[in-house]
C-alpha atoms as a PDB file:
ATOM      1  CA  MET A   1     196.296 164.751 -37.461  1.00  0.00           C
ATOM      2  CA  GLY A   2     199.221 163.225 -40.087  1.00  0.00           C
ATOM      3  CA  ASP A   3     198.846 163.528 -43.566  1.00  0.00           C
ATOM      4  CA  ILE A   4     195.842 162.124 -46.069  1.00  0.00           C
ATOM      5  CA  ASP A   5     197.746 159.621 -48.644  1.00  0.00           C
ATOM      6  CA  VAL A   6     194.971 161.258 -51.532  1.00  0.00           C
ATOM      7  CA  ASP A   7     196.296 158.225 -54.090  1.00  0.00           C
ATOM      8  CA  ALA A   8     195.281 155.140 -51.950  1.00  0.00           C
ATOM      9  CA  LEU A   9     192.632 156.819 -50.608  1.00  0.00           C
ATOM     10  CA  LEU A  10     191.543 157.099 -54.560  1.00  0.00           C
ATOM     11  CA  ALA A  11     192.432 153.615 -54.927  1.00  0.00           C
ATOM     12  CA  GLY A  12     189.742 152.670 -52.464  1.00  0.00           C
ATOM     13  CA  GLN A  13     192.125 152.035 -49.826  1.00  0.00           C
ATOM     14  CA  ARG A  14     189.975 151.792 -46.464  1.00  0.00           C
ATOM     15  CA  ARG A  15     192.729 153.247 -44.132  1.00  0.00           C
ATOM     16  CA  ALA A  16     192.985 155.897 -45.849  1.00  0.00           C
ATOM     17  CA  LEU A  17     189.595 156.281 -46.059  1.00  0.00           C
ATOM     18  CA  ALA A  18     189.008 155.936 -42.326  1.00  0.00           C
ATOM     19  CA  LYS A  19     191.876 157.990 -41.721  1.00  0.00           C
ATOM     20  CA  ALA A  20     190.171 160.762 -44.236  1.00  0.00           C
ATOM     21  CA  ILE A  21     185.860 160.481 -42.610  1.00  0.00           C
ATOM     22  CA  THR A  22     188.550 161.355 -39.224  1.00  0.00           C
ATOM     23  CA  LEU A  23     189.847 163.890 -40.792  1.00  0.00           C
ATOM     24  CA  ILE A  24     187.004 165.222 -41.571  1.00  0.00           C
ATOM     25  CA  GLU A  25     185.175 165.039 -38.722  1.00  0.00           C
ATOM     26  CA  SER A  26     187.792 166.618 -36.496  1.00  0.00           C
ATOM     27  CA  SER A  27     186.432 170.459 -35.582  1.00  0.00           C
ATOM     28  CA  ARG A  28     190.564 171.147 -34.263  1.00  0.00           C
ATOM     29  CA  SER A  29     190.827 173.900 -37.279  1.00  0.00           C
ATOM     30  CA  GLU A  30     193.767 173.589 -38.584  1.00  0.00           C
ATOM     31  CA  ASP A  31     191.839 170.554 -39.031  1.00  0.00           C
ATOM     32  CA  ARG A  32     188.863 172.311 -40.512  1.00  0.00           C
ATOM     33  CA  ALA A  33     191.190 173.559 -42.646  1.00  0.00           C
ATOM     34  CA  ALA A  34     193.277 170.541 -44.213  1.00  0.00           C
ATOM     35  CA  ALA A  35     189.950 168.447 -44.506  1.00  0.00           C
ATOM     36  CA  GLN A  36     189.026 171.349 -46.232  1.00  0.00           C
ATOM     37  CA  THR A  37     191.718 170.958 -49.194  1.00  0.00           C
ATOM     38  CA  LEU A  38     191.623 167.416 -48.984  1.00  0.00           C
ATOM     39  CA  LEU A  39     188.122 167.657 -50.043  1.00  0.00           C
ATOM     40  CA  GLU A  40     189.242 170.727 -53.177  1.00  0.00           C
ATOM     41  CA  ARG A  41     191.616 167.898 -53.935  1.00  0.00           C
ATOM     42  CA  VAL A  42     189.653 164.645 -54.507  1.00  0.00           C
ATOM     43  CA  LEU A  43     185.784 166.494 -55.770  1.00  0.00           C
ATOM     44  CA  ALA A  44     186.965 166.042 -59.133  1.00  0.00           C
ATOM     45  CA  HIS A  45     186.401 162.249 -58.335  1.00  0.00           C
ATOM     46  CA  THR A  46     182.918 162.733 -56.194  1.00  0.00           C
ATOM     47  CA  GLY A  47     179.575 162.968 -57.334  1.00  0.00           C
ATOM     48  CA  GLN A  48     179.258 159.731 -59.755  1.00  0.00           C
ATOM     49  CA  SER A  49     176.879 157.455 -56.793  1.00  0.00           C
ATOM     50  CA  ILE A  50     173.981 157.032 -56.679  1.00  0.00           C
ATOM     51  CA  ARG A  51     172.224 158.940 -52.680  1.00  0.00           C
ATOM     52  CA  VAL A  52     169.642 156.847 -51.046  1.00  0.00           C
ATOM     53  CA  GLY A  53     168.712 158.648 -48.409  1.00  0.00           C
ATOM     54  CA  ILE A  54     166.104 156.253 -45.494  1.00  0.00           C
ATOM     55  CA  SER A  55     164.190 156.834 -43.363  1.00  0.00           C
ATOM     56  CA  GLY A  56     161.220 154.863 -40.944  1.00  0.00           C
ATOM     57  CA  ILE A  57     159.805 154.907 -37.751  1.00  0.00           C
ATOM     58  CA  PRO A  58     161.591 152.563 -35.032  1.00  0.00           C
ATOM     59  CA  GLY A  59     160.533 149.334 -35.458  1.00  0.00           C
ATOM     60  CA  VAL A  60     160.266 149.119 -39.163  1.00  0.00           C
ATOM     61  CA  GLY A  61     163.310 147.056 -39.399  1.00  0.00           C
ATOM     62  CA  LYS A  62     165.790 149.830 -41.230  1.00  0.00           C
ATOM     63  CA  SER A  63     169.067 147.988 -40.107  1.00  0.00           C
ATOM     64  CA  THR A  64     167.972 144.276 -41.584  1.00  0.00           C
ATOM     65  CA  PHE A  65     166.435 145.588 -44.816  1.00  0.00           C
ATOM     66  CA  ILE A  66     170.108 147.854 -44.881  1.00  0.00           C
ATOM     67  CA  GLU A  67     171.323 145.337 -44.910  1.00  0.00           C
ATOM     68  CA  SER A  68     169.491 142.752 -47.096  1.00  0.00           C
ATOM     69  CA  PHE A  69     169.416 145.821 -49.588  1.00  0.00           C
ATOM     70  CA  GLY A  70     173.016 146.092 -49.323  1.00  0.00           C
ATOM     71  CA  MET A  71     173.681 142.207 -50.095  1.00  0.00           C
ATOM     72  CA  GLU A  72     171.939 142.744 -53.388  1.00  0.00           C
ATOM     73  CA  LEU A  73     173.446 145.637 -54.459  1.00  0.00           C
ATOM     74  CA  ILE A  74     177.309 144.449 -54.041  1.00  0.00           C
ATOM     75  CA  ARG A  75     175.643 140.610 -55.257  1.00  0.00           C
ATOM     76  CA  ARG A  76     174.680 143.176 -58.172  1.00  0.00           C
ATOM     77  CA  GLY A  77     178.917 144.611 -58.342  1.00  0.00           C
ATOM     78  CA  HIS A  78     178.168 147.370 -56.225  1.00  0.00           C
ATOM     79  CA  ARG A  79     179.899 149.401 -53.170  1.00  0.00           C
ATOM     80  CA  VAL A  80     178.828 150.937 -51.184  1.00  0.00           C
ATOM     81  CA  ALA A  81     178.974 152.820 -47.870  1.00  0.00           C
ATOM     82  CA  VAL A  82     175.764 152.645 -45.322  1.00  0.00           C
ATOM     83  CA  LEU A  83     176.417 156.321 -43.585  1.00  0.00           C
ATOM     84  CA  ALA A  84     174.030 157.499 -40.410  1.00  0.00           C
ATOM     85  CA  VAL A  85     172.522 161.564 -39.713  1.00  0.00           C
ATOM     86  CA  ASP A  86     171.360 161.733 -36.697  1.00  0.00           C
ATOM     87  CA  PRO A  87     171.114 166.033 -35.198  1.00  0.00           C
ATOM     88  CA  SER A  88     168.776 165.332 -31.999  1.00  0.00           C
ATOM     89  CA  SER A  89     171.819 163.094 -30.957  1.00  0.00           C
ATOM     90  CA  PRO A  90     174.804 164.417 -29.095  1.00  0.00           C
ATOM     91  CA  VAL A  91     176.303 161.174 -28.375  1.00  0.00           C
ATOM     92  CA  ALA A  92     178.712 159.566 -31.355  1.00  0.00           C
ATOM     93  CA  GLY A  93     177.868 156.487 -32.784  1.00  0.00           C
ATOM     94  CA  GLY A  94     173.895 157.107 -31.195  1.00  0.00           C
ATOM     95  CA  SER A  95     171.702 154.078 -31.856  1.00  0.00           C
ATOM     96  CA  ILE A  96     173.769 153.226 -35.353  1.00  0.00           C
ATOM     97  CA  LEU A  97     177.326 151.962 -33.455  1.00  0.00           C
ATOM     98  CA  GLY A  98     174.041 148.862 -33.036  1.00  0.00           C
ATOM     99  CA  ASP A  99     172.833 148.831 -36.260  1.00  0.00           C
ATOM    100  CA  LYS A 100     176.007 148.204 -36.639  1.00  0.00           C
ATOM    101  CA  THR A 101     176.352 144.801 -34.869  1.00  0.00           C
ATOM    102  CA  ARG A 102     173.461 143.572 -36.335  1.00  0.00           C
ATOM    103  CA  MET A 103     174.681 144.238 -40.291  1.00  0.00           C
ATOM    104  CA  GLU A 104     177.121 142.258 -39.621  1.00  0.00           C
ATOM    105  CA  THR A 105     177.175 140.325 -43.024  1.00  0.00           C
ATOM    106  CA  LEU A 106     177.513 144.015 -44.728  1.00  0.00           C
ATOM    107  CA  SER A 107     180.236 144.853 -42.545  1.00  0.00           C
ATOM    108  CA  ARG A 108     181.573 141.561 -42.887  1.00  0.00           C
ATOM    109  CA  GLU A 109     182.011 142.542 -46.917  1.00  0.00           C
ATOM    110  CA  GLU A 110     185.454 144.010 -48.487  1.00  0.00           C
ATOM    111  CA  ALA A 111     182.405 145.948 -50.789  1.00  0.00           C
ATOM    112  CA  ALA A 112     180.408 147.296 -48.002  1.00  0.00           C
ATOM    113  CA  PHE A 113     181.997 150.580 -45.801  1.00  0.00           C
ATOM    114  CA  ILE A 114     179.827 151.431 -42.453  1.00  0.00           C
ATOM    115  CA  ARG A 115     180.740 154.678 -40.100  1.00  0.00           C
ATOM    116  CA  PRO A 116     178.863 155.832 -37.349  1.00  0.00           C
ATOM    117  CA  SER A 117     177.156 158.539 -37.398  1.00  0.00           C
ATOM    118  CA  PRO A 118     179.756 162.208 -35.654  1.00  0.00           C
ATOM    119  CA  SER A 119     179.414 163.804 -32.926  1.00  0.00           C
ATOM    120  CA  GLN A 120     177.406 167.358 -32.951  1.00  0.00           C
ATOM    121  CA  GLY A 121     178.944 171.209 -32.271  1.00  0.00           C
ATOM    122  CA  ALA A 122     181.205 171.351 -34.479  1.00  0.00           C
ATOM    123  CA  LEU A 123     180.372 174.059 -37.926  1.00  0.00           C
ATOM    124  CA  GLY A 124     177.825 172.302 -39.590  1.00  0.00           C
ATOM    125  CA  GLY A 125     177.038 169.880 -37.281  1.00  0.00           C
ATOM    126  CA  VAL A 126     176.285 165.623 -37.958  1.00  0.00           C
ATOM    127  CA  ALA A 127     174.821 167.497 -41.096  1.00  0.00           C
ATOM    128  CA  LEU A 128     177.813 168.329 -42.368  1.00  0.00           C
ATOM    129  CA  LYS A 129     180.380 166.008 -41.939  1.00  0.00           C
ATOM    130  CA  THR A 130     177.340 162.689 -43.377  1.00  0.00           C
ATOM    131  CA  ARG A 131     177.825 165.441 -46.725  1.00  0.00           C
ATOM    132  CA  GLU A 132     181.449 165.391 -46.486  1.00  0.00           C
ATOM    133  CA  THR A 133     181.957 162.069 -45.528  1.00  0.00           C
ATOM    134  CA  MET A 134     179.804 161.068 -48.346  1.00  0.00           C
ATOM    135  CA  LEU A 135     181.765 163.080 -51.073  1.00  0.00           C
ATOM    136  CA  LEU A 136     185.464 160.684 -49.543  1.00  0.00           C
ATOM    137  CA  CYS A 137     183.185 157.531 -50.048  1.00  0.00           C
ATOM    138  CA  GLU A 138     182.742 158.270 -53.479  1.00  0.00           C
ATOM    139  CA  ALA A 139     186.226 159.297 -54.179  1.00  0.00           C
ATOM    140  CA  ALA A 140     187.267 156.266 -53.167  1.00  0.00           C
ATOM    141  CA  GLY A 141     184.831 154.511 -55.628  1.00  0.00           C
ATOM    142  CA  TYR A 142     181.456 153.815 -53.501  1.00  0.00           C
ATOM    143  CA  ASP A 143     178.790 153.884 -56.317  1.00  0.00           C
ATOM    144  CA  VAL A 144     176.000 153.532 -53.799  1.00  0.00           C
ATOM    145  CA  ILE A 145     176.157 155.253 -50.888  1.00  0.00           C
ATOM    146  CA  LEU A 146     172.527 154.777 -48.137  1.00  0.00           C
ATOM    147  CA  VAL A 147     172.182 158.045 -45.106  1.00  0.00           C
ATOM    148  CA  GLU A 148     170.589 156.670 -42.654  1.00  0.00           C
ATOM    149  CA  THR A 149     167.992 158.935 -40.201  1.00  0.00           C
ATOM    150  CA  VAL A 150     168.851 157.384 -36.991  1.00  0.00           C
ATOM    151  CA  GLY A 151     167.019 159.851 -35.103  1.00  0.00           C
ATOM    152  CA  VAL A 152     163.471 161.528 -36.384  1.00  0.00           C
ATOM    153  CA  GLY A 153     162.009 164.204 -37.366  1.00  0.00           C
ATOM    154  CA  GLN A 154     165.092 167.426 -38.507  1.00  0.00           C
ATOM    155  CA  SER A 155     166.742 164.112 -39.483  1.00  0.00           C
ATOM    156  CA  GLU A 156     164.470 163.613 -42.004  1.00  0.00           C
ATOM    157  CA  TYR A 157     164.772 167.021 -43.502  1.00  0.00           C
ATOM    158  CA  GLU A 158     168.114 166.848 -43.145  1.00  0.00           C
ATOM    159  CA  VAL A 159     168.962 163.737 -45.340  1.00  0.00           C
ATOM    160  CA  ALA A 160     166.152 164.875 -48.387  1.00  0.00           C
ATOM    161  CA  ALA A 161     168.501 167.907 -48.253  1.00  0.00           C
ATOM    162  CA  MET A 162     171.644 166.377 -49.365  1.00  0.00           C
ATOM    163  CA  VAL A 163     170.320 162.570 -50.820  1.00  0.00           C
ATOM    164  CA  ASP A 164     169.134 161.508 -54.763  1.00  0.00           C
ATOM    165  CA  PHE A 165     166.832 159.511 -53.924  1.00  0.00           C
ATOM    166  CA  PHE A 166     164.746 159.744 -50.256  1.00  0.00           C
ATOM    167  CA  LEU A 167     162.963 156.216 -49.573  1.00  0.00           C
ATOM    168  CA  VAL A 168     161.329 155.921 -46.118  1.00  0.00           C
ATOM    169  CA  LEU A 169     160.217 152.569 -44.649  1.00  0.00           C
ATOM    170  CA  MET A 170     156.644 151.935 -43.446  1.00  0.00           C
ATOM    171  CA  LEU A 171     155.730 149.263 -40.855  1.00  0.00           C
ATOM    172  CA  PRO A 172     152.777 146.712 -42.583  1.00  0.00           C
ATOM    173  CA  ASN A 173     149.063 149.004 -41.049  1.00  0.00           C
ATOM    174  CA  ALA A 174     145.868 149.599 -43.688  1.00  0.00           C
ATOM    175  CA  GLY A 175     144.685 152.002 -40.577  1.00  0.00           C
ATOM    176  CA  ASP A 176     144.243 155.718 -42.131  1.00  0.00           C
ATOM    177  CA  GLU A 177     147.050 156.535 -40.309  1.00  0.00           C
ATOM    178  CA  LEU A 178     150.107 157.517 -40.797  1.00  0.00           C
ATOM    179  CA  GLN A 179     152.373 155.781 -38.302  1.00  0.00           C
ATOM    180  CA  GLY A 180     153.220 159.735 -37.442  1.00  0.00           C
ATOM    181  CA  ILE A 181     155.433 160.581 -40.341  1.00  0.00           C
ATOM    182  CA  LYS A 182     154.287 163.453 -41.115  1.00  0.00           C
ATOM    183  CA  ARG A 183     152.948 164.859 -44.076  1.00  0.00           C
ATOM    184  CA  GLY A 184     155.784 166.517 -44.770  1.00  0.00           C
ATOM    185  CA  ILE A 185     157.816 163.560 -44.437  1.00  0.00           C
ATOM    186  CA  MET A 186     155.567 162.363 -47.043  1.00  0.00           C
ATOM    187  CA  GLU A 187     155.839 165.129 -49.797  1.00  0.00           C
ATOM    188  CA  LEU A 188     159.246 165.134 -49.158  1.00  0.00           C
ATOM    189  CA  ALA A 189     159.023 160.570 -49.970  1.00  0.00           C
ATOM    190  CA  ASP A 190     160.562 159.528 -53.823  1.00  0.00           C
ATOM    191  CA  ALA A 191     159.224 156.198 -52.349  1.00  0.00           C
ATOM    192  CA  LEU A 192     157.733 154.132 -49.567  1.00  0.00           C
ATOM    193  CA  VAL A 193     158.805 150.710 -48.897  1.00  0.00           C
ATOM    194  CA  VAL A 194     156.091 148.733 -46.432  1.00  0.00           C
ATOM    195  CA  ASN A 195     158.519 146.839 -45.147  1.00  0.00           C
ATOM    196  CA  LYS A 196     158.082 142.841 -43.263  1.00  0.00           C
ATOM    197  CA  ALA A 197     155.684 141.979 -45.568  1.00  0.00           C
ATOM    198  CA  ASP A 198     155.615 137.907 -44.177  1.00  0.00           C
ATOM    199  CA  GLY A 199     154.350 135.468 -43.008  1.00  0.00           C
ATOM    200  CA  GLU A 200     150.568 136.439 -41.743  1.00  0.00           C
ATOM    201  CA  SER A 201     151.888 140.277 -42.470  1.00  0.00           C
ATOM    202  CA  VAL A 202     151.756 139.001 -46.135  1.00  0.00           C
ATOM    203  CA  GLY A 203     147.920 140.456 -46.967  1.00  0.00           C
ATOM    204  CA  LEU A 204     148.340 143.243 -44.647  1.00  0.00           C
ATOM    205  CA  ALA A 205     151.388 144.696 -46.204  1.00  0.00           C
ATOM    206  CA  GLN A 206     149.454 144.996 -49.558  1.00  0.00           C
ATOM    207  CA  ARG A 207     146.541 146.640 -49.044  1.00  0.00           C
ATOM    208  CA  THR A 208     148.826 148.745 -46.586  1.00  0.00           C
ATOM    209  CA  ARG A 209     150.569 149.766 -50.193  1.00  0.00           C
ATOM    210  CA  ARG A 210     146.922 150.355 -51.568  1.00  0.00           C
ATOM    211  CA  HIS A 211     145.435 153.150 -49.274  1.00  0.00           C
ATOM    212  CA  TYR A 212     149.578 155.047 -49.127  1.00  0.00           C
ATOM    213  CA  GLN A 213     149.862 155.184 -52.946  1.00  0.00           C
ATOM    214  CA  ASN A 214     145.952 156.315 -52.563  1.00  0.00           C
ATOM    215  CA  ALA A 215     147.481 158.883 -50.035  1.00  0.00           C
ATOM    216  CA  MET A 216     150.725 159.859 -52.073  1.00  0.00           C
ATOM    217  CA  ASN A 217     148.413 160.490 -55.387  1.00  0.00           C
ATOM    218  CA  LEU A 218     146.521 162.975 -53.292  1.00  0.00           C
ATOM    219  CA  LEU A 219     149.978 165.047 -52.598  1.00  0.00           C
ATOM    220  CA  SER A 220     151.300 167.433 -55.083  1.00  0.00           C
ATOM    221  CA  HIS A 221     154.313 166.163 -57.191  1.00  0.00           C
ATOM    222  CA  SER A 222     156.542 168.040 -59.041  1.00  0.00           C
ATOM    223  CA  GLY A 223     159.270 167.041 -62.079  1.00  0.00           C
ATOM    224  CA  PHE A 224     158.882 163.636 -63.973  1.00  0.00           C
ATOM    225  CA  TRP A 225     158.837 161.577 -60.593  1.00  0.00           C
ATOM    226  CA  VAL A 226     155.587 159.826 -59.304  1.00  0.00           C
ATOM    227  CA  PRO A 227     155.728 159.100 -56.326  1.00  0.00           C
ATOM    228  CA  ARG A 228     155.353 154.990 -55.344  1.00  0.00           C
ATOM    229  CA  VAL A 229     154.791 151.943 -53.174  1.00  0.00           C
ATOM    230  CA  LEU A 230     156.711 148.846 -52.810  1.00  0.00           C
ATOM    231  CA  VAL A 231     156.244 146.424 -50.647  1.00  0.00           C
ATOM    232  CA  CYS A 232     159.146 144.178 -49.172  1.00  0.00           C
ATOM    233  CA  SER A 233     160.289 142.329 -46.950  1.00  0.00           C
ATOM    234  CA  ALA A 234     163.555 142.397 -45.732  1.00  0.00           C
ATOM    235  CA  ALA A 235     164.310 139.783 -43.761  1.00  0.00           C
ATOM    236  CA  GLU A 236     163.777 137.143 -46.538  1.00  0.00           C
ATOM    237  CA  GLN A 237     165.154 139.306 -48.706  1.00  0.00           C
ATOM    238  CA  ARG A 238     161.601 139.529 -50.928  1.00  0.00           C
ATOM    239  CA  GLY A 239     161.541 142.644 -52.972  1.00  0.00           C
ATOM    240  CA  ILE A 240     164.238 143.862 -52.464  1.00  0.00           C
ATOM    241  CA  ALA A 241     165.826 143.413 -56.335  1.00  0.00           C
ATOM    242  CA  GLU A 242     163.008 145.816 -57.761  1.00  0.00           C
ATOM    243  CA  VAL A 243     163.049 148.784 -55.374  1.00  0.00           C
ATOM    244  CA  TRP A 244     167.016 148.895 -56.398  1.00  0.00           C
ATOM    245  CA  GLU A 245     164.739 149.030 -60.307  1.00  0.00           C
ATOM    246  CA  MET A 246     163.399 151.109 -59.007  1.00  0.00           C
ATOM    247  CA  ILE A 247     165.159 153.731 -58.189  1.00  0.00           C
ATOM    248  CA  GLY A 248     168.028 153.223 -61.228  1.00  0.00           C
ATOM    249  CA  GLU A 249     164.095 154.084 -63.428  1.00  0.00           C
ATOM    250  CA  TYR A 250     164.285 157.417 -60.932  1.00  0.00           C
ATOM    251  CA  ARG A 251     168.464 157.511 -61.521  1.00  0.00           C
ATOM    252  CA  GLY A 252     168.052 157.622 -64.964  1.00  0.00           C
ATOM    253  CA  GLY A 253     164.986 159.373 -65.630  1.00  0.00           C
ATOM    254  CA  ALA A 254     166.586 162.467 -63.318  1.00  0.00           C
ATOM    255  CA  SER A 255     169.952 161.952 -65.090  1.00  0.00           C
ATOM    256  CA  ALA A 256     168.348 162.414 -68.786  1.00  0.00           C
ATOM    257  CA  SER A 257     165.970 164.857 -67.747  1.00  0.00           C
ATOM    258  CA  GLY A 258     168.152 167.050 -66.019  1.00  0.00           C
ATOM    259  CA  GLU A 259     167.084 167.301 -62.623  1.00  0.00           C
ATOM    260  CA  LEU A 260     169.678 165.018 -61.401  1.00  0.00           C
ATOM    261  CA  GLU A 261     171.876 167.965 -61.986  1.00  0.00           C
ATOM    262  CA  ARG A 262     169.510 170.157 -60.465  1.00  0.00           C
ATOM    263  CA  LYS A 263     168.547 168.672 -58.078  1.00  0.00           C
ATOM    264  CA  ARG A 264     172.538 168.509 -57.050  1.00  0.00           C
ATOM    265  CA  ALA A 265     173.667 172.263 -57.703  1.00  0.00           C
ATOM    266  CA  LEU A 266     170.198 173.505 -55.771  1.00  0.00           C
ATOM    267  CA  GLN A 267     171.308 170.920 -52.539  1.00  0.00           C
ATOM    268  CA  ASN A 268     174.868 172.778 -52.541  1.00  0.00           C
ATOM    269  CA  ALA A 269     173.344 176.204 -52.943  1.00  0.00           C
ATOM    270  CA  GLN A 270     171.464 176.017 -50.027  1.00  0.00           C
ATOM    271  CA  TRP A 271     174.205 174.126 -47.508  1.00  0.00           C
ATOM    272  CA  LEU A 272     176.596 177.121 -48.744  1.00  0.00           C
ATOM    273  CA  ARG A 273     173.931 179.929 -47.340  1.00  0.00           C
ATOM    274  CA  ARG A 274     173.105 177.729 -44.383  1.00  0.00           C
ATOM    275  CA  LEU A 275     177.365 177.722 -43.837  1.00  0.00           C
ATOM    276  CA  ILE A 276     177.417 181.091 -44.666  1.00  0.00           C
ATOM    277  CA  SER A 277     174.616 182.029 -41.405  1.00  0.00           C
ATOM    278  CA  GLU A 278     176.438 178.919 -39.136  1.00  0.00           C
ATOM    279  CA  LEU A 279     180.584 181.421 -39.836  1.00  0.00           C
ATOM    280  CA  LEU A 280     178.796 184.441 -39.001  1.00  0.00           C
ATOM    281  CA  GLU A 281     176.658 183.558 -35.972  1.00  0.00           C
ATOM    282  CA  GLN A 282     179.982 181.901 -35.090  1.00  0.00           C
ATOM    283  CA  ARG A 283     182.015 184.736 -35.527  1.00  0.00           C
ATOM    284  CA  PHE A 284     179.369 186.879 -33.801  1.00  0.00           C
ATOM    285  CA  ARG A 285     179.332 184.898 -30.533  1.00  0.00           C
ATOM    286  CA  ALA A 286     183.319 184.828 -30.599  1.00  0.00           C
ATOM    287  CA  ASP A 287     183.823 188.904 -30.057  1.00  0.00           C
ATOM    288  CA  PRO A 288     184.372 189.052 -27.228  1.00  0.00           C
ATOM    289  CA  ARG A 289     182.274 192.367 -26.715  1.00  0.00           C
ATOM    290  CA  VAL A 290     178.967 190.498 -27.356  1.00  0.00           C
ATOM    291  CA  ARG A 291     180.373 188.110 -24.807  1.00  0.00           C
ATOM    292  CA  GLU A 292     181.012 190.695 -22.361  1.00  0.00           C
ATOM    293  CA  GLU A 293     176.894 192.374 -23.035  1.00  0.00           C
ATOM    294  CA  LEU A 294     175.021 188.703 -23.841  1.00  0.00           C
ATOM    295  CA  PRO A 295     174.216 187.576 -20.259  1.00  0.00           C
ATOM    296  CA  ARG A 296     172.973 191.354 -19.062  1.00  0.00           C
ATOM    297  CA  LEU A 297     170.304 191.639 -22.349  1.00  0.00           C
ATOM    298  CA  GLU A 298     169.679 188.481 -21.392  1.00  0.00           C
ATOM    299  CA  GLU A 299     168.795 188.877 -18.744  1.00  0.00           C
ATOM    300  CA  ARG A 300     167.168 192.981 -19.232  1.00  0.00           C
ATOM    301  CA  VAL A 301     164.901 190.431 -21.770  1.00  0.00           C
ATOM    302  CA  VAL A 302     163.355 188.136 -19.430  1.00  0.00           C
ATOM    303  CA  ARG A 303     162.475 190.793 -16.851  1.00  0.00           C
ATOM    304  CA  GLY A 304     160.635 192.397 -19.341  1.00  0.00           C
ATOM    305  CA  GLU A 305     162.957 195.541 -19.093  1.00  0.00           C
ATOM    306  CA  MET A 306     164.044 195.363 -23.379  1.00  0.00           C
ATOM    307  CA  THR A 307     162.314 193.776 -26.231  1.00  0.00           C
ATOM    308  CA  PRO A 308     164.311 191.384 -27.959  1.00  0.00           C
ATOM    309  CA  TYR A 309     164.462 192.579 -31.045  1.00  0.00           C
ATOM    310  CA  ALA A 310     166.364 195.841 -29.380  1.00  0.00           C
ATOM    311  CA  ALA A 311     168.550 193.353 -27.124  1.00  0.00           C
ATOM    312  CA  ALA A 312     169.694 191.751 -30.909  1.00  0.00           C
ATOM    313  CA  VAL A 313     169.648 194.923 -31.993  1.00  0.00           C
ATOM    314  CA  ARG A 314     171.987 196.266 -29.475  1.00  0.00           C
ATOM    315  CA  LEU A 315     174.184 193.884 -30.232  1.00  0.00           C
ATOM    316  CA  LEU A 316     174.621 193.329 -33.427  1.00  0.00           C
ATOM    317  CA  GLY A 317     175.531 197.448 -32.635  1.00  0.00           C
ATOM    318  CA  GLU A 318     178.631 196.032 -30.771  1.00  0.00           C
ATOM    319  CA  THR A 319     180.175 194.214 -33.842  1.00  0.00           C
END
């Protein structure tokens, strides 16, 4: 794919960054080797950003929130990268491409960089590509990385495992149901933000905020941070500054307590273990004897002639 101009990347040139990300996203083995060499060269220039995950159910106004939030950060002098994670989609880009066209104002800003989710299938999947893209954006001088979950379910856990602060957007609804968001996601959240607090929904949004704050207080939390619930109107750009100030407060406390360094170290260790597992499975499935024997053993398991455990032990004995 050609050499990447590392100096241009470190100088924040968008063309060099885009070319580097394309290399990262490639599934060709030779490109993967070159990508890892590139990452090692820029690694010393990474880690200086605040990494924020943003999730929420469809219709909550994620793209509007991200655009308003990104514009607020740019006005404050920050450089913002918006990335997407959609482990559920095999199609390159997914719905983030539609979101990008809706983020027209933000996408025109020189200090903003919006990147769709890559296609699935390579080692580590979409989440790994996003982690590596995040490092490249940091090396290029983007000091705020917004990682959006496009899918639902597993994608929230993927994003929470790579960011410093995980934010979940909610709709104004003071009912007892939790808008389809599972308890596990609530426990992952560092903050809930009730969006669309405008027009006739202002009072409802405040009631929703109290409802969720009570729900959050019932959950057990560790560390220095007690998750908060805020309200905003991304469409009217109200409450956006308060969201950033809250994240800044978290960043300050996490840095001072050592929590930020510990969290990132734990995330890296978890990714190492995941990649080891995936590399081992990749080599296992690539073994010619396994490829030959696996279909026969699967058929015996399906017919009930052999237990799955016995079949797995047999296959492992082949390698």
